[in-house]
Amino acid sequence: MQYSLSHHKLKLILAAQGLKTGDAGGIDQLFGGKDGYYWYGTVRDMCPEGKTLAWENQYAMVAAIQAHENATAEEDEMKPQVPSAANIAALSKLLGDPI
């Protein structure tokens, strides 16, 4: 399965659930529970406005998200976070592209 990410897609995902960008609790649940809002923000920040990122498989998508997290954490001189299995499952479900 292929996966893609854009600001437009994220807006559609939230709108389909009746969520707004500031609804931290709802976004937490949508993106895998604990730290879901954090990972939503991470993928939103990693994608340039007006562009679409795409990956051939789940592993490439997760690796790109983690690489972005690692780089951002290094810039901020903090330890990078790692998405939980629930976060990865939610991201995969939400960012997967139907055939």
N, C-alpha and C. Protein backbone atom coordinates (compact mmCIF):
# COMPACT_ATOMS: atom_id res chain seq x y z
N MET A 1 0.84 -1.17 0.00
CA MET A 1 0.00 0.00 0.00
C MET A 1 0.88 1.23 0.00
N GLN A 2 0.45 2.25 -0.69
CA GLN A 2 1.16 3.52 -0.69
C GLN A 2 0.56 4.45 0.35
N TYR A 3 1.37 5.41 0.78
CA TYR A 3 0.97 6.37 1.80
C TYR A 3 1.33 7.76 1.32
N SER A 4 0.51 8.74 1.69
CA SER A 4 0.83 10.12 1.31
C SER A 4 0.40 11.07 2.43
N LEU A 5 0.99 12.24 2.37
CA LEU A 5 0.77 13.26 3.39
C LEU A 5 0.79 14.63 2.75
N SER A 6 -0.20 15.43 3.07
CA SER A 6 -0.24 16.84 2.67
C SER A 6 -1.08 17.58 3.70
N HIS A 7 -0.94 18.89 3.71
CA HIS A 7 -1.77 19.69 4.62
C HIS A 7 -3.24 19.52 4.25
N HIS A 8 -3.52 19.46 2.96
CA HIS A 8 -4.89 19.28 2.50
C HIS A 8 -5.46 17.95 3.01
N LYS A 9 -4.68 16.89 2.90
CA LYS A 9 -5.14 15.58 3.37
C LYS A 9 -5.39 15.60 4.87
N LEU A 10 -4.51 16.23 5.63
CA LEU A 10 -4.71 16.32 7.08
C LEU A 10 -5.99 17.09 7.41
N LYS A 11 -6.26 18.17 6.67
CA LYS A 11 -7.49 18.93 6.89
C LYS A 11 -8.72 18.07 6.60
N LEU A 12 -8.66 17.27 5.52
CA LEU A 12 -9.77 16.39 5.18
C LEU A 12 -9.98 15.31 6.25
N ILE A 13 -8.88 14.77 6.76
CA ILE A 13 -8.96 13.74 7.81
C ILE A 13 -9.65 14.31 9.05
N LEU A 14 -9.24 15.50 9.47
CA LEU A 14 -9.87 16.11 10.64
C LEU A 14 -11.33 16.44 10.38
N ALA A 15 -11.61 17.01 9.21
CA ALA A 15 -12.98 17.39 8.87
C ALA A 15 -13.91 16.18 8.84
N ALA A 16 -13.41 15.05 8.35
CA ALA A 16 -14.23 13.83 8.28
C ALA A 16 -14.63 13.35 9.67
N GLN A 17 -13.85 13.71 10.68
CA GLN A 17 -14.14 13.32 12.06
C GLN A 17 -14.80 14.44 12.85
N GLY A 18 -15.04 15.57 12.19
CA GLY A 18 -15.65 16.71 12.87
C GLY A 18 -14.70 17.40 13.83
N LEU A 19 -13.39 17.30 13.56
CA LEU A 19 -12.39 17.89 14.45
C LEU A 19 -11.81 19.16 13.85
N LYS A 20 -11.37 20.04 14.72
CA LYS A 20 -10.64 21.25 14.31
C LYS A 20 -9.19 21.08 14.76
N THR A 21 -8.28 21.87 14.18
CA THR A 21 -6.85 21.70 14.45
C THR A 21 -6.49 21.87 15.92
N GLY A 22 -7.28 22.58 16.69
CA GLY A 22 -6.97 22.79 18.10
C GLY A 22 -7.60 21.77 19.04
N ASP A 23 -8.31 20.79 18.52
CA ASP A 23 -8.98 19.79 19.35
C ASP A 23 -7.98 18.70 19.74
N ALA A 24 -7.16 19.01 20.74
CA ALA A 24 -6.07 18.11 21.12
C ALA A 24 -6.58 16.74 21.55
N GLY A 25 -7.65 16.69 22.32
CA GLY A 25 -8.17 15.41 22.79
C GLY A 25 -8.68 14.54 21.66
N GLY A 26 -9.43 15.12 20.75
CA GLY A 26 -9.95 14.37 19.61
C GLY A 26 -8.85 13.91 18.68
N ILE A 27 -7.87 14.78 18.45
CA ILE A 27 -6.75 14.43 17.58
C ILE A 27 -5.89 13.37 18.25
N ASP A 28 -5.70 13.47 19.56
CA ASP A 28 -4.98 12.42 20.30
C ASP A 28 -5.59 11.05 20.00
N GLN A 29 -6.90 10.94 20.16
CA GLN A 29 -7.58 9.66 19.93
C GLN A 29 -7.47 9.22 18.47
N LEU A 30 -7.66 10.15 17.55
CA LEU A 30 -7.61 9.82 16.12
C LEU A 30 -6.24 9.31 15.70
N PHE A 31 -5.19 9.88 16.27
CA PHE A 31 -3.82 9.53 15.88
C PHE A 31 -3.17 8.53 16.85
N GLY A 32 -3.97 7.71 17.50
CA GLY A 32 -3.42 6.59 18.25
C GLY A 32 -3.40 6.72 19.75
N GLY A 33 -4.15 7.67 20.30
CA GLY A 33 -4.19 7.79 21.76
C GLY A 33 -3.05 8.64 22.28
N LYS A 34 -2.39 8.14 23.34
CA LYS A 34 -1.33 8.91 23.99
C LYS A 34 -0.32 9.42 22.95
N ASP A 35 -0.06 10.72 22.99
CA ASP A 35 0.87 11.41 22.08
C ASP A 35 0.36 11.51 20.65
N GLY A 36 -0.89 11.19 20.40
CA GLY A 36 -1.44 11.31 19.05
C GLY A 36 -1.36 12.72 18.51
N TYR A 37 -1.68 13.71 19.37
CA TYR A 37 -1.61 15.10 18.92
C TYR A 37 -0.17 15.49 18.59
N TYR A 38 0.78 14.95 19.34
CA TYR A 38 2.19 15.23 19.07
C TYR A 38 2.57 14.73 17.68
N TRP A 39 2.16 13.51 17.36
CA TRP A 39 2.52 12.94 16.06
C TRP A 39 1.76 13.60 14.92
N TYR A 40 0.54 14.04 15.17
CA TYR A 40 -0.18 14.84 14.17
C TYR A 40 0.62 16.09 13.85
N GLY A 41 1.08 16.78 14.89
CA GLY A 41 1.89 17.98 14.69
C GLY A 41 3.19 17.69 13.98
N THR A 42 3.79 16.57 14.29
CA THR A 42 5.05 16.19 13.66
C THR A 42 4.87 15.99 12.16
N VAL A 43 3.84 15.22 11.76
CA VAL A 43 3.65 15.00 10.32
C VAL A 43 3.20 16.27 9.62
N ARG A 44 2.41 17.09 10.29
CA ARG A 44 2.01 18.37 9.70
C ARG A 44 3.24 19.24 9.46
N ASP A 45 4.14 19.29 10.43
CA ASP A 45 5.33 20.14 10.32
C ASP A 45 6.34 19.60 9.30
N MET A 46 6.36 18.30 9.08
CA MET A 46 7.35 17.75 8.16
C MET A 46 6.97 17.95 6.70
N CYS A 47 5.71 18.25 6.43
CA CYS A 47 5.24 18.40 5.06
C CYS A 47 5.14 19.88 4.70
N PRO A 48 5.86 20.31 3.67
CA PRO A 48 5.76 21.71 3.26
C PRO A 48 4.34 22.05 2.78
N GLU A 49 3.88 23.21 3.12
CA GLU A 49 2.56 23.68 2.68
C GLU A 49 2.48 23.63 1.15
N GLY A 50 1.40 23.08 0.63
CA GLY A 50 1.20 23.00 -0.82
C GLY A 50 1.89 21.82 -1.49
N LYS A 51 2.59 21.01 -0.74
CA LYS A 51 3.31 19.86 -1.30
C LYS A 51 2.69 18.57 -0.76
N THR A 52 2.98 17.48 -1.44
CA THR A 52 2.55 16.15 -1.00
C THR A 52 3.77 15.26 -0.88
N LEU A 53 3.90 14.62 0.26
CA LEU A 53 4.94 13.61 0.46
C LEU A 53 4.30 12.25 0.21
N ALA A 54 5.05 11.32 -0.36
CA ALA A 54 4.51 10.00 -0.64
C ALA A 54 5.56 8.93 -0.36
N TRP A 55 5.07 7.78 0.08
CA TRP A 55 5.94 6.64 0.38
C TRP A 55 5.34 5.39 -0.22
N GLU A 56 6.19 4.47 -0.61
CA GLU A 56 5.76 3.21 -1.23
C GLU A 56 5.21 2.21 -0.23
N ASN A 57 5.62 2.32 1.03
CA ASN A 57 5.15 1.34 2.02
C ASN A 57 5.18 1.97 3.41
N GLN A 58 4.61 1.23 4.35
CA GLN A 58 4.50 1.71 5.73
C GLN A 58 5.88 1.92 6.35
N TYR A 59 6.81 1.05 6.06
CA TYR A 59 8.14 1.15 6.66
C TYR A 59 8.84 2.43 6.24
N ALA A 60 8.72 2.78 4.96
CA ALA A 60 9.33 4.02 4.46
C ALA A 60 8.68 5.24 5.10
N MET A 61 7.35 5.19 5.28
CA MET A 61 6.64 6.30 5.91
C MET A 61 7.10 6.47 7.36
N VAL A 62 7.12 5.38 8.11
CA VAL A 62 7.53 5.44 9.52
C VAL A 62 8.98 5.91 9.63
N ALA A 63 9.84 5.43 8.75
CA ALA A 63 11.25 5.84 8.77
C ALA A 63 11.38 7.33 8.49
N ALA A 64 10.59 7.87 7.57
CA ALA A 64 10.64 9.30 7.27
C ALA A 64 10.15 10.14 8.44
N ILE A 65 9.08 9.68 9.08
CA ILE A 65 8.56 10.39 10.25
C ILE A 65 9.59 10.38 11.37
N GLN A 66 10.21 9.23 11.61
CA GLN A 66 11.21 9.13 12.67
C GLN A 66 12.44 9.96 12.35
N ALA A 67 12.86 9.99 11.08
CA ALA A 67 14.01 10.80 10.68
C ALA A 67 13.73 12.28 10.92
N HIS A 68 12.51 12.70 10.60
CA HIS A 68 12.14 14.10 10.85
C HIS A 68 12.15 14.39 12.35
N GLU A 69 11.59 13.47 13.14
CA GLU A 69 11.58 13.63 14.60
C GLU A 69 13.00 13.70 15.14
N ASN A 70 13.87 12.82 14.66
CA ASN A 70 15.26 12.81 15.12
C ASN A 70 15.96 14.13 14.81
N ALA A 71 15.77 14.64 13.60
CA ALA A 71 16.42 15.89 13.20
C ALA A 71 15.88 17.06 14.01
N THR A 72 14.59 17.11 14.22
CA THR A 72 13.98 18.19 15.00
C THR A 72 14.45 18.15 16.45
N ALA A 73 14.49 16.95 17.02
CA ALA A 73 14.94 16.80 18.41
C ALA A 73 16.40 17.22 18.54
N GLU A 74 17.22 16.87 17.56
CA GLU A 74 18.63 17.26 17.62
C GLU A 74 18.77 18.78 17.58
N GLU A 75 17.99 19.43 16.71
CA GLU A 75 18.01 20.90 16.64
C GLU A 75 17.64 21.52 17.98
N ASP A 76 16.66 20.90 18.64
CA ASP A 76 16.18 21.41 19.93
C ASP A 76 16.98 20.87 21.11
N GLU A 77 18.01 20.08 20.82
CA GLU A 77 18.86 19.46 21.84
C GLU A 77 18.03 18.68 22.86
N MET A 78 17.11 17.86 22.31
CA MET A 78 16.26 17.02 23.14
C MET A 78 16.36 15.58 22.64
N LYS A 79 15.92 14.67 23.44
CA LYS A 79 15.87 13.27 23.05
C LYS A 79 14.66 13.07 22.12
N PRO A 80 14.84 12.40 20.98
CA PRO A 80 13.70 12.19 20.08
C PRO A 80 12.69 11.21 20.67
N GLN A 81 11.43 11.45 20.36
CA GLN A 81 10.38 10.52 20.77
C GLN A 81 10.23 9.45 19.70
N VAL A 82 9.62 8.35 20.07
CA VAL A 82 9.36 7.24 19.14
C VAL A 82 7.86 6.97 19.18
N PRO A 83 7.21 6.90 18.01
CA PRO A 83 5.77 6.64 18.03
C PRO A 83 5.47 5.23 18.55
N SER A 84 4.38 5.12 19.28
CA SER A 84 3.96 3.82 19.80
C SER A 84 3.37 2.99 18.65
N ALA A 85 3.15 1.72 18.92
CA ALA A 85 2.50 0.87 17.93
C ALA A 85 1.12 1.42 17.57
N ALA A 86 0.41 1.96 18.56
CA ALA A 86 -0.91 2.54 18.31
C ALA A 86 -0.81 3.78 17.43
N ASN A 87 0.21 4.61 17.66
CA ASN A 87 0.41 5.80 16.82
C ASN A 87 0.71 5.38 15.39
N ILE A 88 1.58 4.39 15.21
CA ILE A 88 1.94 3.91 13.87
C ILE A 88 0.72 3.31 13.18
N ALA A 89 -0.07 2.53 13.89
CA ALA A 89 -1.27 1.94 13.29
C ALA A 89 -2.24 3.04 12.83
N ALA A 90 -2.42 4.06 13.66
CA ALA A 90 -3.34 5.15 13.31
C ALA A 90 -2.80 5.94 12.12
N LEU A 91 -1.52 6.27 12.14
CA LEU A 91 -0.92 7.01 11.02
C LEU A 91 -1.04 6.20 9.73
N SER A 92 -0.81 4.91 9.81
CA SER A 92 -0.89 4.05 8.64
C SER A 92 -2.32 4.02 8.08
N LYS A 93 -3.28 3.91 8.96
CA LYS A 93 -4.68 3.88 8.55
C LYS A 93 -5.08 5.21 7.91
N LEU A 94 -4.68 6.30 8.54
CA LEU A 94 -5.10 7.62 8.07
C LEU A 94 -4.39 8.08 6.81
N LEU A 95 -3.12 7.72 6.66
CA LEU A 95 -2.33 8.21 5.53
C LEU A 95 -2.26 7.22 4.38
N GLY A 96 -2.84 6.03 4.55
CA GLY A 96 -2.85 5.05 3.48
C GLY A 96 -3.69 5.53 2.31
N ASP A 97 -3.23 5.25 1.11
CA ASP A 97 -3.96 5.64 -0.10
C ASP A 97 -4.70 4.44 -0.67
N PRO A 98 -6.00 4.56 -0.83
CA PRO A 98 -6.74 3.44 -1.43
C PRO A 98 -6.32 3.25 -2.89
N ILE A 99 -6.44 2.05 -3.33
CA ILE A 99 -6.04 1.75 -4.73
C ILE A 99 -7.10 2.28 -5.67
